[in-house]
Amino acid sequence: MEYDREKLKQLVLHVIWRTNESRDFGATKLNKVLWFAEARAFESLGKVITGESYVRQQFGPVPLHIVEICNELVREGLISASDEPVQDHVVRHYQALEPPDLLRFSREELHLVDYWIRHIDEDHTAGSISELSHSIGWRIARMGEVLPPHAYLAGRIRPPDTDEMTWARSEAERLGIK
């Protein structure tokens, strides 16, 4: 799917709109909702929601255009932004001033996004959801590298069973790479 900037913009606005009353929902959780919703859409619907690229950053996958999109939403008067010092860092909070236009989204897409909004808002801190986003796909990527949506699935790899280990050992021995 090609990147749909307007759809991403409305998706960001939707997440912020839905979390207006949440004191503990900042930029980190916004990024995680976007990543998990897009990745889960790829897994369950066979396509991503906006076509946005996500890059590996220190605390997990981040939408490539998120700063531009949020700045644009602020300039257009659709959201406000504020920074709040919390212990040893600053948390960026957003407040939606207008509701999103959801006409571009399917019911299934909104269902996935709303699930991740609730789950991340209610069940996680910014730190715990960042840890969850550190999948094997994220870990093997270089800083700033684009993560494909299926990188999310790398965390679902199971350990090899006994037969698979036996085969792997015999192949390693056959190839001389113990």
Foldseek 3Di string as FASTA:
>chain_A
DAAALLQVLLLLLQLQAVCQPFPQDFPLLSQLLQLQLQLVCCVPVVHGQGNFWWFQAPLATGGPCVVVSVVVCVVVVQKDWDWDDDVPDITIHIHGPDHGDCPSDDPVSVVSSVVSSCCPRPPHHSNVSSVLRCAPQSVVDDGGDTGDSCSNVNNVDDDDDPVVVVVVVVVCVVVVND
